[in-house]
Amino acid sequence: ANQTIRAFTEAALKVSPTGKQNSFASRAYASWALAEKGTDQPRSLAAAFYEPINGTRQLDVAVQRITTLRENMNTVYEQKTECASFDVMNKQGSMKDVLDFICA
């Protein structure tokens, strides 16, 4: 099971959606990823993006918003979810760390 989960997650991080590839020639890997696990109910962090992100630092703003929302949810709901992440732009973490965390 772990091998399947690992392969599925790696594919999600490395395989780009095919829509508009001919228009934009995008074959980008994930620039940032966060994995959480624990016994609490799964949650969505999509609320971090209710307000559009504009400007030149879109990735930095997106990461800040989602990590702040995660921290706020942990505080408000008194959760202590474990997580692993990587951030390509800031050379933090690695895909291997995230995959190892998911499969541990």
N, C-alpha and C. Protein backbone atom coordinates (compact mmCIF):
# COMPACT_ATOMS: atom_id res chain seq x y z
N ALA A 1 0.83 -1.20 0.00
CA ALA A 1 0.00 0.00 0.00
C ALA A 1 0.87 1.27 0.00
N ASN A 2 1.94 1.25 0.81
CA ASN A 2 2.81 2.43 0.86
C ASN A 2 3.45 2.73 -0.48
N GLN A 3 3.80 1.69 -1.22
CA GLN A 3 4.42 1.88 -2.53
C GLN A 3 3.43 2.58 -3.49
N THR A 4 2.17 2.19 -3.41
CA THR A 4 1.14 2.80 -4.25
C THR A 4 0.91 4.25 -3.85
N ILE A 5 0.82 4.51 -2.56
CA ILE A 5 0.62 5.88 -2.07
C ILE A 5 1.80 6.76 -2.48
N ARG A 6 3.00 6.22 -2.34
CA ARG A 6 4.20 6.98 -2.70
C ARG A 6 4.19 7.32 -4.20
N ALA A 7 3.90 6.33 -5.04
CA ALA A 7 3.89 6.55 -6.49
C ALA A 7 2.79 7.55 -6.89
N PHE A 8 1.62 7.42 -6.29
CA PHE A 8 0.52 8.32 -6.59
C PHE A 8 0.88 9.76 -6.21
N THR A 9 1.45 9.94 -5.02
CA THR A 9 1.82 11.28 -4.56
C THR A 9 2.93 11.88 -5.42
N GLU A 10 3.92 11.07 -5.76
CA GLU A 10 5.00 11.56 -6.62
C GLU A 10 4.44 12.00 -7.98
N ALA A 11 3.52 11.22 -8.51
CA ALA A 11 2.91 11.58 -9.80
C ALA A 11 2.15 12.90 -9.67
N ALA A 12 1.42 13.08 -8.58
CA ALA A 12 0.67 14.33 -8.39
C ALA A 12 1.61 15.53 -8.31
N LEU A 13 2.80 15.34 -7.77
CA LEU A 13 3.76 16.44 -7.65
C LEU A 13 4.51 16.72 -8.95
N LYS A 14 4.62 15.71 -9.80
CA LYS A 14 5.45 15.85 -11.00
C LYS A 14 4.69 15.97 -12.31
N VAL A 15 3.44 15.54 -12.34
CA VAL A 15 2.70 15.50 -13.59
C VAL A 15 1.78 16.72 -13.67
N SER A 16 1.94 17.50 -14.69
CA SER A 16 1.13 18.70 -14.88
C SER A 16 -0.20 18.35 -15.52
N PRO A 17 -1.25 19.13 -15.21
CA PRO A 17 -2.51 18.95 -15.92
C PRO A 17 -2.30 19.18 -17.41
N THR A 18 -3.04 18.49 -18.25
CA THR A 18 -2.80 18.59 -19.69
C THR A 18 -3.53 19.77 -20.34
N GLY A 19 -4.50 20.35 -19.68
CA GLY A 19 -5.23 21.47 -20.26
C GLY A 19 -4.32 22.65 -20.54
N LYS A 20 -4.43 23.22 -21.71
CA LYS A 20 -3.70 24.41 -22.13
C LYS A 20 -2.19 24.20 -22.27
N GLN A 21 -1.71 22.96 -22.28
CA GLN A 21 -0.27 22.75 -22.45
C GLN A 21 0.21 23.27 -23.80
N ASN A 22 -0.60 23.13 -24.82
CA ASN A 22 -0.19 23.63 -26.13
C ASN A 22 -0.13 25.15 -26.15
N SER A 23 -0.99 25.80 -25.37
CA SER A 23 -1.00 27.26 -25.33
C SER A 23 0.14 27.83 -24.48
N PHE A 24 0.42 27.16 -23.36
CA PHE A 24 1.38 27.71 -22.40
C PHE A 24 2.68 26.91 -22.31
N ALA A 25 2.74 25.73 -22.90
CA ALA A 25 3.92 24.86 -22.86
C ALA A 25 4.37 24.58 -21.44
N SER A 26 3.43 24.48 -20.52
CA SER A 26 3.77 24.26 -19.12
C SER A 26 3.92 22.77 -18.82
N ARG A 27 5.05 22.41 -18.28
CA ARG A 27 5.30 21.05 -17.82
C ARG A 27 5.88 21.12 -16.41
N ALA A 28 5.41 22.08 -15.65
CA ALA A 28 6.01 22.42 -14.36
C ALA A 28 5.76 21.37 -13.29
N TYR A 29 6.79 21.11 -12.49
CA TYR A 29 6.66 20.33 -11.27
C TYR A 29 6.07 21.25 -10.20
N ALA A 30 5.61 20.66 -9.11
CA ALA A 30 5.10 21.46 -7.99
C ALA A 30 6.23 22.32 -7.42
N SER A 31 5.94 23.56 -7.14
CA SER A 31 6.91 24.47 -6.53
C SER A 31 6.85 24.42 -5.01
N TRP A 32 5.73 23.96 -4.49
CA TRP A 32 5.53 23.88 -3.04
C TRP A 32 4.52 22.78 -2.77
N ALA A 33 4.70 22.08 -1.67
CA ALA A 33 3.75 21.04 -1.29
C ALA A 33 3.70 20.93 0.22
N LEU A 34 2.54 20.54 0.71
CA LEU A 34 2.32 20.31 2.14
C LEU A 34 1.54 19.02 2.29
N ALA A 35 2.00 18.15 3.16
CA ALA A 35 1.27 16.93 3.49
C ALA A 35 1.01 16.93 4.99
N GLU A 36 -0.22 16.60 5.37
CA GLU A 36 -0.59 16.50 6.77
C GLU A 36 -1.09 15.10 7.04
N LYS A 37 -0.93 14.65 8.28
CA LYS A 37 -1.56 13.40 8.68
C LYS A 37 -1.84 13.43 10.17
N GLY A 38 -2.81 12.64 10.55
CA GLY A 38 -3.20 12.58 11.95
C GLY A 38 -4.55 11.91 12.07
N THR A 39 -5.10 11.95 13.25
CA THR A 39 -6.38 11.27 13.50
C THR A 39 -7.56 12.22 13.47
N ASP A 40 -7.30 13.52 13.31
CA ASP A 40 -8.39 14.49 13.24
C ASP A 40 -9.09 14.41 11.88
N GLN A 41 -10.30 14.95 11.84
CA GLN A 41 -11.07 14.98 10.60
C GLN A 41 -10.28 15.72 9.53
N PRO A 42 -10.27 15.20 8.30
CA PRO A 42 -9.60 15.92 7.21
C PRO A 42 -10.21 17.31 7.06
N ARG A 43 -9.40 18.24 6.61
CA ARG A 43 -9.85 19.62 6.47
C ARG A 43 -9.33 20.20 5.16
N SER A 44 -10.00 21.23 4.72
CA SER A 44 -9.57 21.94 3.52
C SER A 44 -8.91 23.25 3.93
N LEU A 45 -7.82 23.56 3.26
CA LEU A 45 -7.16 24.85 3.49
C LEU A 45 -7.43 25.81 2.33
N ALA A 46 -8.45 25.48 1.53
CA ALA A 46 -8.78 26.29 0.36
C ALA A 46 -9.23 27.70 0.72
N ALA A 47 -9.69 27.92 1.94
CA ALA A 47 -10.13 29.26 2.35
C ALA A 47 -9.00 30.28 2.25
N ALA A 48 -7.77 29.81 2.23
CA ALA A 48 -6.62 30.71 2.08
C ALA A 48 -6.67 31.47 0.76
N PHE A 49 -7.46 30.97 -0.18
CA PHE A 49 -7.48 31.55 -1.53
C PHE A 49 -8.83 32.13 -1.91
N TYR A 50 -9.67 32.43 -0.93
CA TYR A 50 -10.95 33.08 -1.23
C TYR A 50 -10.72 34.43 -1.89
N GLU A 51 -9.66 35.09 -1.51
CA GLU A 51 -9.30 36.39 -2.10
C GLU A 51 -8.19 36.14 -3.12
N PRO A 52 -8.34 36.62 -4.35
CA PRO A 52 -7.31 36.38 -5.38
C PRO A 52 -5.94 36.91 -4.97
N ILE A 53 -4.92 36.27 -5.48
CA ILE A 53 -3.54 36.71 -5.25
C ILE A 53 -3.05 37.40 -6.52
N ASN A 54 -2.61 38.62 -6.38
CA ASN A 54 -2.09 39.39 -7.52
C ASN A 54 -0.68 39.86 -7.21
N GLY A 55 0.00 40.37 -8.19
CA GLY A 55 1.32 40.93 -7.97
C GLY A 55 2.43 40.00 -8.41
N THR A 56 3.64 40.33 -8.00
CA THR A 56 4.81 39.60 -8.48
C THR A 56 5.27 38.49 -7.53
N ARG A 57 4.78 38.46 -6.31
CA ARG A 57 5.24 37.46 -5.34
C ARG A 57 4.12 36.46 -5.04
N GLN A 58 3.46 35.97 -6.07
CA GLN A 58 2.28 35.15 -5.89
C GLN A 58 2.56 33.86 -5.11
N LEU A 59 3.66 33.19 -5.40
CA LEU A 59 3.96 31.94 -4.69
C LEU A 59 4.23 32.21 -3.22
N ASP A 60 5.03 33.22 -2.92
CA ASP A 60 5.31 33.57 -1.52
C ASP A 60 4.03 33.89 -0.76
N VAL A 61 3.16 34.67 -1.38
CA VAL A 61 1.90 35.05 -0.74
C VAL A 61 1.03 33.82 -0.54
N ALA A 62 0.95 32.95 -1.53
CA ALA A 62 0.14 31.74 -1.42
C ALA A 62 0.63 30.85 -0.28
N VAL A 63 1.93 30.63 -0.20
CA VAL A 63 2.50 29.79 0.86
C VAL A 63 2.23 30.42 2.22
N GLN A 64 2.41 31.72 2.33
CA GLN A 64 2.16 32.41 3.61
C GLN A 64 0.70 32.27 4.02
N ARG A 65 -0.21 32.46 3.07
CA ARG A 65 -1.63 32.36 3.39
C ARG A 65 -2.01 30.96 3.86
N ILE A 66 -1.55 29.96 3.15
CA ILE A 66 -1.96 28.60 3.50
C ILE A 66 -1.32 28.14 4.81
N THR A 67 -0.07 28.51 5.05
CA THR A 67 0.57 28.12 6.31
C THR A 67 -0.04 28.87 7.50
N THR A 68 -0.41 30.13 7.30
CA THR A 68 -1.08 30.88 8.36
C THR A 68 -2.44 30.28 8.67
N LEU A 69 -3.21 29.95 7.64
CA LEU A 69 -4.52 29.33 7.85
C LEU A 69 -4.36 28.00 8.59
N ARG A 70 -3.37 27.21 8.21
CA ARG A 70 -3.12 25.92 8.87
C ARG A 70 -2.82 26.13 10.35
N GLU A 71 -1.93 27.08 10.65
CA GLU A 71 -1.59 27.37 12.05
C GLU A 71 -2.81 27.87 12.82
N ASN A 72 -3.60 28.73 12.20
CA ASN A 72 -4.81 29.25 12.86
C ASN A 72 -5.81 28.13 13.13
N MET A 73 -6.00 27.23 12.18
CA MET A 73 -6.93 26.11 12.39
C MET A 73 -6.42 25.20 13.51
N ASN A 74 -5.12 24.95 13.53
CA ASN A 74 -4.56 24.13 14.61
C ASN A 74 -4.82 24.77 15.97
N THR A 75 -4.69 26.09 16.06
CA THR A 75 -4.92 26.80 17.32
C THR A 75 -6.39 26.78 17.70
N VAL A 76 -7.25 27.20 16.79
CA VAL A 76 -8.68 27.32 17.08
C VAL A 76 -9.30 25.96 17.40
N TYR A 77 -8.95 24.93 16.65
CA TYR A 77 -9.53 23.61 16.86
C TYR A 77 -8.68 22.72 17.78
N GLU A 78 -7.62 23.29 18.34
CA GLU A 78 -6.73 22.58 19.25
C GLU A 78 -6.24 21.26 18.63
N GLN A 79 -5.76 21.36 17.40
CA GLN A 79 -5.23 20.20 16.69
C GLN A 79 -3.71 20.29 16.66
N LYS A 80 -3.10 19.14 16.56
CA LYS A 80 -1.64 19.08 16.46
C LYS A 80 -1.28 18.16 15.28
N THR A 81 -1.73 18.53 14.11
CA THR A 81 -1.46 17.71 12.94
C THR A 81 0.01 17.76 12.58
N GLU A 82 0.56 16.60 12.29
CA GLU A 82 1.94 16.53 11.81
C GLU A 82 1.94 16.93 10.34
N CYS A 83 3.06 17.47 9.90
CA CYS A 83 3.14 17.84 8.49
C CYS A 83 4.57 17.76 7.98
N ALA A 84 4.67 17.69 6.67
CA ALA A 84 5.95 17.79 5.97
C ALA A 84 5.69 18.62 4.73
N SER A 85 6.70 19.37 4.32
CA SER A 85 6.52 20.21 3.14
C SER A 85 7.84 20.42 2.43
N PHE A 86 7.73 20.94 1.22
CA PHE A 86 8.92 21.43 0.52
C PHE A 86 8.58 22.72 -0.18
N ASP A 87 9.61 23.54 -0.38
CA ASP A 87 9.46 24.84 -1.01
C ASP A 87 10.66 25.02 -1.94
N VAL A 88 10.44 24.84 -3.22
CA VAL A 88 11.51 24.90 -4.21
C VAL A 88 12.17 26.28 -4.24
N MET A 89 11.37 27.33 -4.23
CA MET A 89 11.90 28.68 -4.36
C MET A 89 12.85 29.06 -3.22
N ASN A 90 12.60 28.52 -2.04
CA ASN A 90 13.42 28.84 -0.87
C ASN A 90 14.34 27.69 -0.46
N LYS A 91 14.45 26.67 -1.31
CA LYS A 91 15.33 25.52 -1.06
C LYS A 91 15.10 24.91 0.32
N GLN A 92 13.84 24.67 0.66
CA GLN A 92 13.50 24.08 1.95
C GLN A 92 12.81 22.75 1.75
N GLY A 93 13.22 21.74 2.53
CA GLY A 93 12.61 20.43 2.43
C GLY A 93 12.94 19.76 1.12
N SER A 94 12.29 18.63 0.89
CA SER A 94 12.48 17.91 -0.37
C SER A 94 11.26 17.04 -0.65
N MET A 95 11.12 16.66 -1.91
CA MET A 95 10.04 15.76 -2.27
C MET A 95 10.22 14.44 -1.52
N LYS A 96 11.45 13.97 -1.39
CA LYS A 96 11.72 12.72 -0.67
C LYS A 96 11.23 12.81 0.77
N ASP A 97 11.49 13.94 1.43
CA ASP A 97 11.02 14.12 2.81
C ASP A 97 9.50 13.99 2.89
N VAL A 98 8.79 14.61 1.96
CA VAL A 98 7.33 14.55 1.95
C VAL A 98 6.86 13.12 1.69
N LEU A 99 7.46 12.46 0.71
CA LEU A 99 7.07 11.08 0.40
C LEU A 99 7.37 10.15 1.57
N ASP A 100 8.52 10.31 2.20
CA ASP A 100 8.87 9.48 3.36
C ASP A 100 7.88 9.71 4.51
N PHE A 101 7.50 10.97 4.73
CA PHE A 101 6.54 11.32 5.77
C PHE A 101 5.19 10.65 5.51
N ILE A 102 4.73 10.73 4.27
CA ILE A 102 3.43 10.16 3.92
C ILE A 102 3.42 8.65 4.14
N CYS A 103 4.52 8.01 3.84
CA CYS A 103 4.58 6.54 3.89
C CYS A 103 5.05 5.99 5.24
N ALA A 104 5.41 6.85 6.17
CA ALA A 104 5.91 6.38 7.48
C ALA A 104 4.78 5.84 8.33
